[in-house]
């Protein structure tokens, strides 16, 4: 099935982590550890071959509006932040129109396209994530057909690069909206909570500049 891949690298991982931590220290009002302990909306893994640490939210694919997830790919020298959407539809929607716009509490969030350039480790980890997301979307589409012809659908992946300020902006927002090509989507409450946790977790993993953030309002658990 067709897919779309757009991502690029940022600057030094150490510098990014510090900038992100300082921005979050002033703006984020989220909780890294919810009541009861542990993370609810994010996971982190490290590739034992290339050393890249991938932190991500994990909202599952679904028919209908594109589903967003946040990713951080961090090596010993570089880092990438990305917003990656999975889309299931009965037609190609974004192959020729992959533009992504984001609003956080009504204010624009800077996004960028491009390719992975943060070294072969980050490139490999990013491509693996995109391939996995498309495979998961295809599996979901086959198991949850919308029409009589169950296998007539398209799974597309759209990626936009974020910088540290954009991650901090999402981490502090109470309302997040997306526009992919001409499709406008309001982020679910689960994604808003996931963005809070993601921003806080990435900042804490990078430097000690963030003290204990204030708790965010409770939200229902993410979909299984």
C-alpha atoms as a PDB file:
ATOM      1  CA  UNK A   1       0.000   0.000   0.000  1.00  0.00           C
ATOM      2  CA  UNK A   2       1.210   3.593  -0.596  1.00  0.00           C
ATOM      3  CA  UNK A   3       2.946   5.407   2.225  1.00  0.00           C
ATOM      4  CA  UNK A   4       4.508   8.822   2.783  1.00  0.00           C
ATOM      5  CA  UNK A   5       7.652   9.542   4.767  1.00  0.00           C
ATOM      6  CA  UNK A   6       8.807  12.999   5.758  1.00  0.00           C
ATOM      7  CA  UNK A   7      11.261  13.696   8.623  1.00  0.00           C
ATOM      8  CA  UNK A   8      14.528  15.526   9.247  1.00  0.00           C
ATOM      9  CA  UNK A   9      17.247  15.716  11.887  1.00  0.00           C
ATOM     10  CA  UNK A  10      17.875  18.551  14.329  1.00  0.00           C
ATOM     11  CA  UNK A  11      21.074  19.734  15.980  1.00  0.00           C
ATOM     12  CA  UNK A  12      23.037  18.336  18.929  1.00  0.00           C
ATOM     13  CA  UNK A  13      21.059  16.059  21.239  1.00  0.00           C
ATOM     14  CA  UNK A  14      22.590  17.679  24.308  1.00  0.00           C
ATOM     15  CA  UNK A  15      21.732  21.206  23.171  1.00  0.00           C
ATOM     16  CA  UNK A  16      18.203  20.190  22.175  1.00  0.00           C
ATOM     17  CA  UNK A  17      17.562  18.515  25.500  1.00  0.00           C
ATOM     18  CA  UNK A  18      18.745  21.595  27.367  1.00  0.00           C
ATOM     19  CA  UNK A  19      16.653  24.019  25.269  1.00  0.00           C
ATOM     20  CA  UNK A  20      13.597  21.793  25.586  1.00  0.00           C
ATOM     21  CA  UNK A  21      14.065  21.452  29.340  1.00  0.00           C
ATOM     22  CA  UNK A  22      14.378  25.211  29.846  1.00  0.00           C
ATOM     23  CA  UNK A  23      11.280  25.863  27.736  1.00  0.00           C
ATOM     24  CA  UNK A  24       9.278  23.251  29.575  1.00  0.00           C
ATOM     25  CA  UNK A  25      10.375  24.506  32.955  1.00  0.00           C
ATOM     26  CA  UNK A  26       8.592  27.775  32.223  1.00  0.00           C
ATOM     27  CA  UNK A  27       5.520  26.509  30.389  1.00  0.00           C
ATOM     28  CA  UNK A  28       4.549  22.884  30.982  1.00  0.00           C
ATOM     29  CA  UNK A  29       1.879  22.170  33.581  1.00  0.00           C
ATOM     30  CA  UNK A  30       1.763  18.422  33.188  1.00  0.00           C
ATOM     31  CA  UNK A  31       2.700  15.426  35.243  1.00  0.00           C
ATOM     32  CA  UNK A  32       5.526  13.083  34.323  1.00  0.00           C
ATOM     33  CA  UNK A  33       4.332  10.456  36.726  1.00  0.00           C
ATOM     34  CA  UNK A  34       0.546  10.191  37.185  1.00  0.00           C
ATOM     35  CA  UNK A  35      -1.036   9.046  40.446  1.00  0.00           C
ATOM     36  CA  UNK A  36      -0.133   5.432  41.048  1.00  0.00           C
ATOM     37  CA  UNK A  37       3.252   5.785  39.338  1.00  0.00           C
ATOM     38  CA  UNK A  38       4.494   4.933  35.889  1.00  0.00           C
ATOM     39  CA  UNK A  39       3.872   6.419  32.471  1.00  0.00           C
ATOM     40  CA  UNK A  40       0.425   5.979  30.909  1.00  0.00           C
ATOM     41  CA  UNK A  41       0.746   7.347  27.398  1.00  0.00           C
ATOM     42  CA  UNK A  42       4.411   6.959  26.444  1.00  0.00           C
ATOM     43  CA  UNK A  43       7.053   4.275  26.089  1.00  0.00           C
ATOM     44  CA  UNK A  44      10.827   4.434  25.593  1.00  0.00           C
ATOM     45  CA  UNK A  45      13.164   1.870  24.071  1.00  0.00           C
ATOM     46  CA  UNK A  46      16.846   1.875  23.142  1.00  0.00           C
ATOM     47  CA  UNK A  47      18.164   0.050  20.086  1.00  0.00           C
ATOM     48  CA  UNK A  48      21.044  -2.061  21.385  1.00  0.00           C
ATOM     49  CA  UNK A  49      22.760  -1.996  17.967  1.00  0.00           C
ATOM     50  CA  UNK A  50      22.743   1.702  17.072  1.00  0.00           C
ATOM     51  CA  UNK A  51      22.183   3.178  20.538  1.00  0.00           C
ATOM     52  CA  UNK A  52      19.252   5.381  19.494  1.00  0.00           C
ATOM     53  CA  UNK A  53      16.662   5.932  22.220  1.00  0.00           C
ATOM     54  CA  UNK A  54      13.107   6.239  20.889  1.00  0.00           C
ATOM     55  CA  UNK A  55      10.453   7.826  23.091  1.00  0.00           C
ATOM     56  CA  UNK A  56       6.914   7.777  21.728  1.00  0.00           C
ATOM     57  CA  UNK A  57       3.227   8.120  22.443  1.00  0.00           C
ATOM     58  CA  UNK A  58       1.126   5.111  21.471  1.00  0.00           C
ATOM     59  CA  UNK A  59      -2.355   5.947  20.244  1.00  0.00           C
ATOM     60  CA  UNK A  60      -3.496   3.009  18.068  1.00  0.00           C
ATOM     61  CA  UNK A  61      -4.565   3.350  14.403  1.00  0.00           C
ATOM     62  CA  UNK A  62      -8.240   3.807  13.559  1.00  0.00           C
ATOM     63  CA  UNK A  63     -10.554   4.374  10.614  1.00  0.00           C
ATOM     64  CA  UNK A  64     -11.538   7.989  10.087  1.00  0.00           C
ATOM     65  CA  UNK A  65      -9.393  11.031  10.954  1.00  0.00           C
ATOM     66  CA  UNK A  66      -5.626  10.562  10.895  1.00  0.00           C
ATOM     67  CA  UNK A  67      -4.216   9.424  14.249  1.00  0.00           C
ATOM     68  CA  UNK A  68      -1.192  11.405  15.549  1.00  0.00           C
ATOM     69  CA  UNK A  69       1.729  10.182  17.628  1.00  0.00           C
ATOM     70  CA  UNK A  70       4.811  11.992  18.914  1.00  0.00           C
ATOM     71  CA  UNK A  71       8.350  10.614  18.635  1.00  0.00           C
ATOM     72  CA  UNK A  72      11.799  11.560  19.888  1.00  0.00           C
ATOM     73  CA  UNK A  73      14.847   9.840  18.381  1.00  0.00           C
ATOM     74  CA  UNK A  74      17.984  10.578  20.400  1.00  0.00           C
ATOM     75  CA  UNK A  75      21.524   9.378  19.708  1.00  0.00           C
ATOM     76  CA  UNK A  76      24.748  10.380  21.431  1.00  0.00           C
ATOM     77  CA  UNK A  77      25.166  13.264  18.957  1.00  0.00           C
ATOM     78  CA  UNK A  78      21.801  14.214  17.479  1.00  0.00           C
ATOM     79  CA  UNK A  79      18.055  14.185  18.081  1.00  0.00           C
ATOM     80  CA  UNK A  80      14.869  14.312  16.022  1.00  0.00           C
ATOM     81  CA  UNK A  81      11.381  15.189  17.244  1.00  0.00           C
ATOM     82  CA  UNK A  82       8.537  14.188  14.959  1.00  0.00           C
ATOM     83  CA  UNK A  83       4.772  14.156  14.731  1.00  0.00           C
ATOM     84  CA  UNK A  84       3.721  11.116  12.704  1.00  0.00           C
ATOM     85  CA  UNK A  85       0.144  10.481  11.537  1.00  0.00           C
ATOM     86  CA  UNK A  86      -1.349   7.187  10.388  1.00  0.00           C
ATOM     87  CA  UNK A  87      -4.337   7.471   8.071  1.00  0.00           C
ATOM     88  CA  UNK A  88      -6.784   4.772   6.939  1.00  0.00           C
ATOM     89  CA  UNK A  89      -9.103   5.712   4.087  1.00  0.00           C
ATOM     90  CA  UNK A  90     -10.782   4.315   0.994  1.00  0.00           C
ATOM     91  CA  UNK A  91      -8.825   6.781  -1.154  1.00  0.00           C
ATOM     92  CA  UNK A  92      -5.377   8.372  -1.284  1.00  0.00           C
ATOM     93  CA  UNK A  93      -5.614  11.659   0.600  1.00  0.00           C
ATOM     94  CA  UNK A  94      -2.104  12.861   1.416  1.00  0.00           C
ATOM     95  CA  UNK A  95       0.325  11.412  -1.125  1.00  0.00           C
ATOM     96  CA  UNK A  96       0.220  14.596  -3.224  1.00  0.00           C
ATOM     97  CA  UNK A  97      -0.653  16.924  -0.338  1.00  0.00           C
ATOM     98  CA  UNK A  98       1.427  16.127   2.781  1.00  0.00           C
ATOM     99  CA  UNK A  99       1.379  19.589   4.371  1.00  0.00           C
ATOM    100  CA  UNK A 100       0.839  19.626   8.133  1.00  0.00           C
ATOM    101  CA  UNK A 101      -0.297  22.588  10.246  1.00  0.00           C
ATOM    102  CA  UNK A 102      -0.770  22.508  14.019  1.00  0.00           C
ATOM    103  CA  UNK A 103      -2.464  24.817  16.522  1.00  0.00           C
ATOM    104  CA  UNK A 104      -1.854  24.652  20.262  1.00  0.00           C
ATOM    105  CA  UNK A 105      -4.449  26.650  22.188  1.00  0.00           C
ATOM    106  CA  UNK A 106      -5.152  28.502  18.951  1.00  0.00           C
ATOM    107  CA  UNK A 107      -1.524  29.465  18.301  1.00  0.00           C
ATOM    108  CA  UNK A 108       0.501  28.073  15.359  1.00  0.00           C
ATOM    109  CA  UNK A 109       3.101  25.407  16.084  1.00  0.00           C
ATOM    110  CA  UNK A 110       6.099  25.269  13.751  1.00  0.00           C
ATOM    111  CA  UNK A 111       6.340  22.034  11.735  1.00  0.00           C
ATOM    112  CA  UNK A 112       8.754  20.957   9.031  1.00  0.00           C
ATOM    113  CA  UNK A 113       9.057  18.260   6.397  1.00  0.00           C
ATOM    114  CA  UNK A 114      12.209  16.665   5.077  1.00  0.00           C
ATOM    115  CA  UNK A 115      14.252  13.531   5.570  1.00  0.00           C
ATOM    116  CA  UNK A 116      16.135  11.955   8.449  1.00  0.00           C
ATOM    117  CA  UNK A 117      19.633  13.463   8.501  1.00  0.00           C
ATOM    118  CA  UNK A 118      20.634  12.875  12.117  1.00  0.00           C
ATOM    119  CA  UNK A 119      22.960   9.994  11.304  1.00  0.00           C
ATOM    120  CA  UNK A 120      22.345   6.467  10.130  1.00  0.00           C
ATOM    121  CA  UNK A 121      21.119   5.338  13.557  1.00  0.00           C
ATOM    122  CA  UNK A 122      18.340   7.916  13.751  1.00  0.00           C
ATOM    123  CA  UNK A 123      17.482   7.391  10.096  1.00  0.00           C
ATOM    124  CA  UNK A 124      17.164   3.641  10.614  1.00  0.00           C
ATOM    125  CA  UNK A 125      15.096   4.029  13.790  1.00  0.00           C
ATOM    126  CA  UNK A 126      12.786   6.565  12.162  1.00  0.00           C
ATOM    127  CA  UNK A 127      12.191   4.446   9.085  1.00  0.00           C
ATOM    128  CA  UNK A 128      11.560   1.399  11.263  1.00  0.00           C
ATOM    129  CA  UNK A 129       8.895   3.335  13.175  1.00  0.00           C
ATOM    130  CA  UNK A 130       7.211   4.484   9.962  1.00  0.00           C
ATOM    131  CA  UNK A 131       7.207   0.946   8.555  1.00  0.00           C
ATOM    132  CA  UNK A 132       5.821  -0.436  11.802  1.00  0.00           C
ATOM    133  CA  UNK A 133       3.095   2.204  11.967  1.00  0.00           C
ATOM    134  CA  UNK A 134       2.008   1.433   8.416  1.00  0.00           C
ATOM    135  CA  UNK A 135       1.983  -2.310   9.138  1.00  0.00           C
ATOM    136  CA  UNK A 136      -0.136  -1.729  12.248  1.00  0.00           C
ATOM    137  CA  UNK A 137      -2.541   0.456  10.253  1.00  0.00           C
ATOM    138  CA  UNK A 138      -2.865  -2.196   7.543  1.00  0.00           C
ATOM    139  CA  UNK A 139      -3.552  -4.876  10.157  1.00  0.00           C
ATOM    140  CA  UNK A 140      -6.194  -2.706  11.807  1.00  0.00           C
ATOM    141  CA  UNK A 141      -7.814  -1.869   8.459  1.00  0.00           C
ATOM    142  CA  UNK A 142      -8.139  -5.528   7.527  1.00  0.00           C
ATOM    143  CA  UNK A 143      -9.600  -6.414  10.929  1.00  0.00           C
ATOM    144  CA  UNK A 144     -12.050  -3.468  10.965  1.00  0.00           C
ATOM    145  CA  UNK A 145     -13.407  -3.046   7.412  1.00  0.00           C
ATOM    146  CA  UNK A 146     -15.653  -0.072   6.700  1.00  0.00           C
ATOM    147  CA  UNK A 147     -17.147  -1.365   3.466  1.00  0.00           C
ATOM    148  CA  UNK A 148     -18.293  -4.557   1.763  1.00  0.00           C
ATOM    149  CA  UNK A 149     -14.954  -4.781  -0.050  1.00  0.00           C
ATOM    150  CA  UNK A 150     -12.947  -5.154   3.118  1.00  0.00           C
ATOM    151  CA  UNK A 151      -9.505  -4.969   1.530  1.00  0.00           C
ATOM    152  CA  UNK A 152     -10.041  -1.843  -0.577  1.00  0.00           C
ATOM    153  CA  UNK A 153      -8.389   0.811   1.578  1.00  0.00           C
ATOM    154  CA  UNK A 154      -5.174   2.805   1.813  1.00  0.00           C
ATOM    155  CA  UNK A 155      -2.791   3.220   4.738  1.00  0.00           C
ATOM    156  CA  UNK A 156      -0.754   6.422   4.601  1.00  0.00           C
ATOM    157  CA  UNK A 157       1.923   7.751   6.933  1.00  0.00           C
ATOM    158  CA  UNK A 158       2.534  11.518   7.139  1.00  0.00           C
ATOM    159  CA  UNK A 159       5.465  12.902   9.122  1.00  0.00           C
ATOM    160  CA  UNK A 160       6.302  16.441  10.223  1.00  0.00           C
ATOM    161  CA  UNK A 161       9.493  17.419  12.035  1.00  0.00           C
ATOM    162  CA  UNK A 162       9.201  19.425  15.263  1.00  0.00           C
ATOM    163  CA  UNK A 163      11.765  21.496  17.123  1.00  0.00           C
ATOM    164  CA  UNK A 164      12.134  21.709  20.897  1.00  0.00           C
ATOM    165  CA  UNK A 165       9.963  24.831  21.157  1.00  0.00           C
ATOM    166  CA  UNK A 166       7.149  23.043  19.317  1.00  0.00           C
ATOM    167  CA  UNK A 167       7.347  20.060  21.678  1.00  0.00           C
ATOM    168  CA  UNK A 168       7.204  22.402  24.658  1.00  0.00           C
ATOM    169  CA  UNK A 169       4.234  24.251  23.131  1.00  0.00           C
ATOM    170  CA  UNK A 170       2.300  20.996  22.673  1.00  0.00           C
ATOM    171  CA  UNK A 171       3.266  19.899  26.159  1.00  0.00           C
ATOM    172  CA  UNK A 172       1.659  22.997  27.649  1.00  0.00           C
ATOM    173  CA  UNK A 173      -1.521  23.055  25.526  1.00  0.00           C
ATOM    174  CA  UNK A 174      -5.040  22.213  26.653  1.00  0.00           C
ATOM    175  CA  UNK A 175      -6.362  22.099  23.056  1.00  0.00           C
ATOM    176  CA  UNK A 176      -4.493  20.824  19.995  1.00  0.00           C
ATOM    177  CA  UNK A 177      -5.727  20.951  16.399  1.00  0.00           C
ATOM    178  CA  UNK A 178      -4.266  19.605  13.151  1.00  0.00           C
ATOM    179  CA  UNK A 179      -4.716  20.359   9.482  1.00  0.00           C
ATOM    180  CA  UNK A 180      -3.314  17.773   7.053  1.00  0.00           C
ATOM    181  CA  UNK A 181      -3.698  19.056   3.516  1.00  0.00           C
ATOM    182  CA  UNK A 182      -7.287  20.377   3.792  1.00  0.00           C
ATOM    183  CA  UNK A 183      -8.517  18.012   6.527  1.00  0.00           C
ATOM    184  CA  UNK A 184      -9.005  19.654   9.936  1.00  0.00           C
ATOM    185  CA  UNK A 185      -8.893  17.410  13.013  1.00  0.00           C
ATOM    186  CA  UNK A 186      -9.205  18.193  16.709  1.00  0.00           C
ATOM    187  CA  UNK A 187      -6.850  16.101  18.815  1.00  0.00           C
ATOM    188  CA  UNK A 188      -8.468  13.727  21.283  1.00  0.00           C
ATOM    189  CA  UNK A 189      -8.176  14.344  25.043  1.00  0.00           C
ATOM    190  CA  UNK A 190      -5.941  11.255  25.160  1.00  0.00           C
ATOM    191  CA  UNK A 191      -3.491  12.814  22.699  1.00  0.00           C
ATOM    192  CA  UNK A 192      -3.418  16.084  24.663  1.00  0.00           C
ATOM    193  CA  UNK A 193      -2.542  14.170  27.824  1.00  0.00           C
ATOM    194  CA  UNK A 194      -0.023  12.105  25.871  1.00  0.00           C
ATOM    195  CA  UNK A 195       1.630  15.291  24.570  1.00  0.00           C
ATOM    196  CA  UNK A 196       1.958  16.587  28.147  1.00  0.00           C
ATOM    197  CA  UNK A 197       3.594  13.375  29.290  1.00  0.00           C
ATOM    198  CA  UNK A 198       5.802  13.114  26.198  1.00  0.00           C
ATOM    199  CA  UNK A 199       7.191  16.643  26.571  1.00  0.00           C
ATOM    200  CA  UNK A 200       7.815  16.191  30.272  1.00  0.00           C
ATOM    201  CA  UNK A 201       9.434  12.783  29.817  1.00  0.00           C
ATOM    202  CA  UNK A 202      11.739  13.925  27.008  1.00  0.00           C
ATOM    203  CA  UNK A 203      12.825  16.954  29.023  1.00  0.00           C
ATOM    204  CA  UNK A 204      13.530  14.906  32.130  1.00  0.00           C
ATOM    205  CA  UNK A 205      15.545  12.355  30.195  1.00  0.00           C
ATOM    206  CA  UNK A 206      17.725  15.079  28.734  1.00  0.00           C
ATOM    207  CA  UNK A 207      18.616  17.281  31.707  1.00  0.00           C
ATOM    208  CA  UNK A 208      17.673  18.110  35.264  1.00  0.00           C
ATOM    209  CA  UNK A 209      16.338  21.584  34.439  1.00  0.00           C
ATOM    210  CA  UNK A 210      12.736  20.511  34.932  1.00  0.00           C
ATOM    211  CA  UNK A 211      11.581  20.255  38.527  1.00  0.00           C
ATOM    212  CA  UNK A 212       8.440  18.384  39.563  1.00  0.00           C
ATOM    213  CA  UNK A 213       5.735  19.680  37.192  1.00  0.00           C
ATOM    214  CA  UNK A 214       2.265  20.506  38.457  1.00  0.00           C
ATOM    215  CA  UNK A 215      -0.289  17.690  37.957  1.00  0.00           C
ATOM    216  CA  UNK A 216      -2.434  17.920  34.854  1.00  0.00           C
ATOM    217  CA  UNK A 217      -6.186  17.251  35.028  1.00  0.00           C
ATOM    218  CA  UNK A 218      -6.987  13.565  35.130  1.00  0.00           C
ATOM    219  CA  UNK A 219      -8.140  11.922  31.913  1.00  0.00           C
ATOM    220  CA  UNK A 220      -9.619   8.566  30.983  1.00  0.00           C
ATOM    221  CA  UNK A 221      -7.095   5.820  30.227  1.00  0.00           C
ATOM    222  CA  UNK A 222      -5.911   5.589  26.606  1.00  0.00           C
ATOM    223  CA  UNK A 223      -7.763   3.226  24.259  1.00  0.00           C
ATOM    224  CA  UNK A 224      -6.578  -0.366  24.405  1.00  0.00           C
END
